[in-house]
Protein backbone atom coordinates (compact mmCIF):
# COMPACT_ATOMS: atom_id res chain seq x y z
CA MET A 1 87.44 78.17 92.22
CA ASN A 2 85.33 81.22 91.68
CA LYS A 3 86.91 84.54 92.57
CA ILE A 4 86.66 87.68 94.30
CA TYR A 5 89.49 90.46 93.89
CA VAL A 6 89.54 92.72 96.89
CA ILE A 7 90.99 95.96 95.43
CA GLY A 8 92.10 99.41 96.48
CA ILE A 9 91.50 101.62 94.19
CA GLY A 10 93.95 104.38 95.22
CA PRO A 11 92.98 107.86 96.92
CA GLY A 12 90.34 108.70 93.61
CA SER A 13 91.88 109.55 90.14
CA TYR A 14 92.00 106.51 87.50
CA GLU A 15 96.13 107.66 87.40
CA GLN A 16 96.85 106.86 90.72
CA MET A 17 95.21 103.34 90.54
CA THR A 18 97.53 100.61 90.43
CA ILE A 19 97.89 98.65 86.97
CA LYS A 20 97.28 95.40 88.13
CA ALA A 21 93.80 96.80 89.94
CA ALA A 22 92.50 97.97 86.64
CA GLU A 23 93.75 95.14 85.01
CA ALA A 24 91.58 92.88 87.66
CA LEU A 25 88.55 95.21 87.04
CA LYS A 26 88.79 94.53 83.62
CA LYS A 27 88.37 90.85 83.99
CA CYS A 28 85.28 91.22 86.44
CA ASP A 29 81.77 90.72 85.71
CA VAL A 30 80.25 92.63 88.42
CA ILE A 31 82.03 95.34 90.76
CA VAL A 32 80.79 95.87 94.17
CA GLY A 33 81.14 98.64 96.82
CA TYR A 34 80.41 101.78 98.60
CA THR A 35 78.50 104.40 96.72
CA VAL A 36 80.83 106.97 96.80
CA TYR A 37 83.71 104.83 95.30
CA VAL A 38 82.00 102.86 92.57
CA ASP A 39 81.11 106.36 91.36
CA LEU A 40 84.70 106.71 90.78
CA LEU A 41 84.85 103.76 88.65
CA ARG A 42 81.93 104.20 86.23
CA GLU A 43 83.33 106.34 83.55
CA TYR A 44 86.41 103.69 83.44
CA PHE A 45 84.19 100.54 83.65
CA GLY A 46 81.13 101.55 82.23
CA GLU A 47 80.30 98.37 80.97
CA LYS A 48 80.51 96.61 84.10
CA GLU A 49 77.67 95.67 86.41
CA PHE A 50 77.81 97.57 89.54
CA LEU A 51 76.27 96.77 93.02
CA THR A 52 76.30 99.58 95.85
CA THR A 53 75.74 99.92 99.11
CA PRO A 54 75.20 103.09 101.56
CA MET A 55 77.95 103.96 104.12
CA ARG A 56 77.15 101.24 107.45
CA GLN A 57 76.31 98.19 105.25
CA GLU A 58 79.62 96.90 105.46
CA VAL A 59 78.78 93.31 105.89
CA ARG A 60 75.99 93.15 103.71
CA ARG A 61 78.32 94.50 100.77
CA CYS A 62 80.35 91.75 101.69
CA GLU A 63 77.98 89.22 101.14
CA MET A 64 76.52 90.59 97.89
CA ALA A 65 80.26 89.97 96.38
CA PHE A 66 80.08 86.50 97.80
CA GLU A 67 76.59 85.61 96.47
CA GLU A 68 77.70 86.88 92.88
CA ALA A 69 80.60 84.90 92.88
CA ALA A 70 78.93 82.02 94.19
CA LYS A 71 76.96 82.09 90.94
CA GLY A 72 80.34 81.56 88.88
CA ARG A 73 80.87 85.58 88.18
CA THR A 74 84.12 87.10 88.62
CA THR A 75 83.47 90.04 91.78
CA ALA A 76 85.34 92.87 92.61
CA MET A 77 84.56 94.23 96.03
CA VAL A 78 86.36 97.91 95.75
CA CYS A 79 87.64 99.96 98.37
CA SER A 80 89.19 103.78 98.05
CA GLY A 81 93.14 103.57 98.96
CA ASP A 82 94.02 100.25 99.89
CA ALA A 83 91.81 97.41 100.63
CA GLY A 84 93.97 96.39 103.73
CA ILE A 85 94.23 99.81 105.68
CA TYR A 86 91.05 100.52 106.76
CA GLY A 87 89.30 98.84 104.10
CA MET A 88 86.74 95.36 103.45
CA ALA A 89 89.90 92.73 103.19
CA GLY A 90 89.90 91.86 106.55
CA LEU A 91 85.76 91.71 106.96
CA MET A 92 86.00 89.54 103.26
CA TYR A 93 88.20 86.89 104.96
CA GLU A 94 85.79 87.04 107.91
CA ILE A 95 82.49 86.30 105.96
CA GLY A 96 84.54 84.45 103.26
CA GLU A 97 84.72 81.92 106.13
CA LYS A 98 81.62 80.68 105.08
CA TYR A 99 82.11 80.51 101.73
CA PRO A 100 85.21 77.80 101.41
CA ASP A 101 84.72 77.30 97.71
CA ILE A 102 85.56 81.06 96.74
CA GLU A 103 89.03 82.33 96.43
CA LEU A 104 89.98 85.98 97.49
CA GLU A 105 92.83 87.83 96.13
CA ILE A 106 93.57 91.05 97.81
CA ILE A 107 94.99 93.87 95.59
CA PRO A 108 97.03 96.54 97.07
CA GLY A 109 96.19 100.48 96.78
CA VAL A 110 98.03 103.90 97.38
CA THR A 111 96.43 104.50 100.70
CA ALA A 112 95.17 108.43 101.68
CA ALA A 113 98.71 108.50 103.89
CA ILE A 114 100.67 107.69 100.49
CA GLY A 115 98.54 110.01 98.40
CA GLY A 116 98.38 112.71 100.66
CA ALA A 117 102.34 112.75 101.89
CA ALA A 118 103.01 113.05 97.99
CA VAL A 119 100.51 116.26 97.67
CA LEU A 120 102.45 117.85 101.15
CA GLY A 121 106.13 116.87 100.06
CA ALA A 122 107.69 114.12 102.13
CA PRO A 123 106.30 114.41 106.05
CA MET A 124 106.20 110.37 106.64
CA SER A 125 110.20 109.85 105.42
CA HIS A 126 110.77 108.66 109.07
CA ASP A 127 109.00 106.23 111.37
CA CYS A 128 104.96 107.09 111.33
CA CYS A 129 101.61 105.44 112.33
CA LEU A 130 98.33 105.84 110.77
CA ILE A 131 95.09 106.59 113.30
CA SER A 132 91.38 106.55 112.60
CA LEU A 133 89.39 109.09 115.11
CA SER A 134 86.45 107.42 114.34
CA ASP A 135 85.02 105.68 117.04
CA LEU A 136 82.14 104.00 114.91
CA LEU A 137 84.16 100.57 115.28
CA THR A 138 86.76 101.79 117.98
CA PRO A 139 86.05 103.15 121.27
CA TRP A 140 87.11 106.69 122.14
CA LYS A 141 89.37 105.34 125.03
CA LYS A 142 91.32 103.34 122.91
CA ILE A 143 91.72 106.12 120.18
CA GLU A 144 92.82 108.03 123.34
CA LYS A 145 95.62 105.94 124.26
CA ARG A 146 96.75 105.35 120.97
CA LEU A 147 96.89 108.79 120.33
CA LEU A 148 99.04 109.63 123.40
CA ALA A 149 101.23 106.70 122.68
CA ALA A 150 102.15 107.73 119.27
CA ALA A 151 102.73 111.55 120.36
CA GLN A 152 104.83 110.79 123.25
CA ALA A 153 107.27 108.44 121.10
CA ASP A 154 107.33 111.05 118.67
CA PHE A 155 105.67 109.32 115.86
CA VAL A 156 104.60 111.30 112.09
CA ILE A 157 101.31 110.44 112.57
CA CYS A 158 98.52 110.36 109.99
CA LEU A 159 94.74 110.65 111.21
CA TYR A 160 92.25 109.08 109.12
CA ASN A 161 88.45 110.06 109.58
CA PRO A 162 89.32 113.25 111.63
CA SER A 163 85.86 114.77 111.80
CA SER A 164 81.87 114.26 110.49
CA LYS A 165 79.08 115.99 111.58
CA LYS A 166 78.50 113.82 114.88
CA ARG A 167 82.19 113.89 115.67
CA ALA A 168 82.59 117.77 114.95
CA ASP A 169 85.37 117.90 117.59
CA TYR A 170 87.41 115.43 117.58
CA LEU A 171 90.67 116.59 115.50
CA ASP A 172 90.06 119.53 118.66
CA LYS A 173 90.35 116.41 120.92
CA ALA A 174 92.80 114.64 119.43
CA CYS A 175 95.13 117.74 119.41
CA ASP A 176 94.80 118.94 123.00
CA LEU A 177 96.00 114.96 123.90
CA MET A 178 98.99 115.05 121.40
CA LEU A 179 99.84 118.80 122.62
CA ARG A 180 101.05 116.94 126.28
CA TYR A 181 103.88 115.76 124.00
CA LYS A 182 104.43 117.52 121.10
CA SER A 183 105.02 121.00 120.47
CA GLU A 184 102.32 123.31 119.58
CA ASP A 185 104.57 124.76 116.61
CA THR A 186 105.16 121.09 115.30
CA VAL A 187 104.75 120.74 111.50
CA CYS A 188 101.24 119.64 110.59
CA GLY A 189 99.45 119.50 107.21
CA VAL A 190 95.83 118.65 105.90
CA VAL A 191 95.01 117.06 102.48
CA LYS A 192 91.44 117.37 101.27
CA ASN A 193 90.26 115.34 98.20
CA ILE A 194 93.69 113.63 97.37
CA ALA A 195 93.64 113.00 93.78
CA ARG A 196 90.18 114.31 93.22
CA GLU A 197 88.63 117.27 92.08
CA GLY A 198 89.17 120.35 94.68
CA GLU A 199 92.44 119.05 96.16
CA ALA A 200 93.59 121.08 98.42
CA MET A 201 96.62 121.30 101.11
CA GLN A 202 97.52 123.58 104.13
CA ILE A 203 100.52 123.63 106.38
CA LEU A 204 99.96 124.95 110.08
CA SER A 205 101.19 124.04 113.10
CA LEU A 206 99.68 121.94 115.77
CA LYS A 207 97.91 124.89 117.84
CA GLU A 208 96.83 125.94 114.70
CA LEU A 209 95.66 122.89 113.61
CA GLN A 210 93.61 122.13 116.70
CA LYS A 211 90.62 125.02 115.91
CA THR A 212 90.96 123.78 111.90
CA ALA A 213 87.50 122.77 110.39
CA VAL A 214 88.32 119.42 108.40
CA ASP A 215 86.03 116.75 107.16
CA MET A 216 85.71 112.94 105.97
CA PHE A 217 87.69 113.93 102.94
CA SER A 218 90.55 115.16 104.69
CA THR A 219 93.94 113.30 105.77
CA VAL A 220 95.45 115.13 108.70
CA PHE A 221 99.26 114.58 109.06
CA ILE A 222 101.08 115.75 112.56
CA GLY A 223 104.91 116.01 112.15
CA ASN A 224 107.83 114.79 114.83
CA CYS A 225 109.82 117.12 116.61
CA ASP A 226 111.93 117.35 113.33
CA THR A 227 109.52 117.82 110.81
CA LYS A 228 110.02 121.38 108.91
CA VAL A 229 108.75 123.16 105.94
CA ILE A 230 111.07 123.33 102.84
CA ASP A 231 110.07 125.56 100.15
CA GLY A 232 106.58 125.30 101.20
CA LYS A 233 106.46 121.61 101.46
CA MET A 234 106.18 119.56 104.67
CA VAL A 235 109.14 117.40 105.21
CA THR A 236 110.37 114.92 108.01
CA PRO A 237 114.04 114.17 107.52
CA ARG A 238 115.09 110.39 108.09
CA GLY A 239 118.65 111.58 109.01
CA TYR A 240 120.82 111.15 106.35
CA ARG A 241 124.32 112.06 106.62
CA TYR A 242 125.41 114.56 103.45
CA GLU A 243 127.85 116.96 102.44
CA ARG A 244 127.55 120.51 101.83
CA ASP A 245 129.40 121.92 99.00
């Protein structure tokens, strides 16, 4: 049976790609993906054939992968982070219904929430959730409900796609919603360019976050009522009991 590996390549650096992902890419004849993500791989898999599409051509990208696999070529569909978290795994299964003779294997990767959390310290050590602020595929009213529910439940919240040129005020709006249930002093963090050139992190309050400029290469973390700063790192205690000397 012909095969497509749907691979999460991690946040950016080769070192944060799983060994299984790297080994699968070595087996492939052709690598398909969004232009920006494929460019991260060319240095390490330069002998492969690469097929790319720009943003908002996800369906065509998946079709390209199936077309290549149908020719008998071992194919990889690559996604940044994890293929199943805001990645292409779900869409590949949907489109794959038209290609019953092609097998899919999903290979997980380090998603931005995990990679960014490691940069900040330990912000997600307790119950947490992931919410994308992009309303390209999800109506803003539904995003609002999810933000309010997560804030009311005092989850640590990781925000994907927090801003873009067309959505410059979405983080501001999201913070305004969460301030209904979270203190303005809630510890928050921003990580830009996780595991890539120009990586930077910032720890600040929810009130300060509301007016902070971010972009699509930023991942935003909003703490819960127990999140604090320890030695310059964002830490959410889980509540372990321990004895002090």
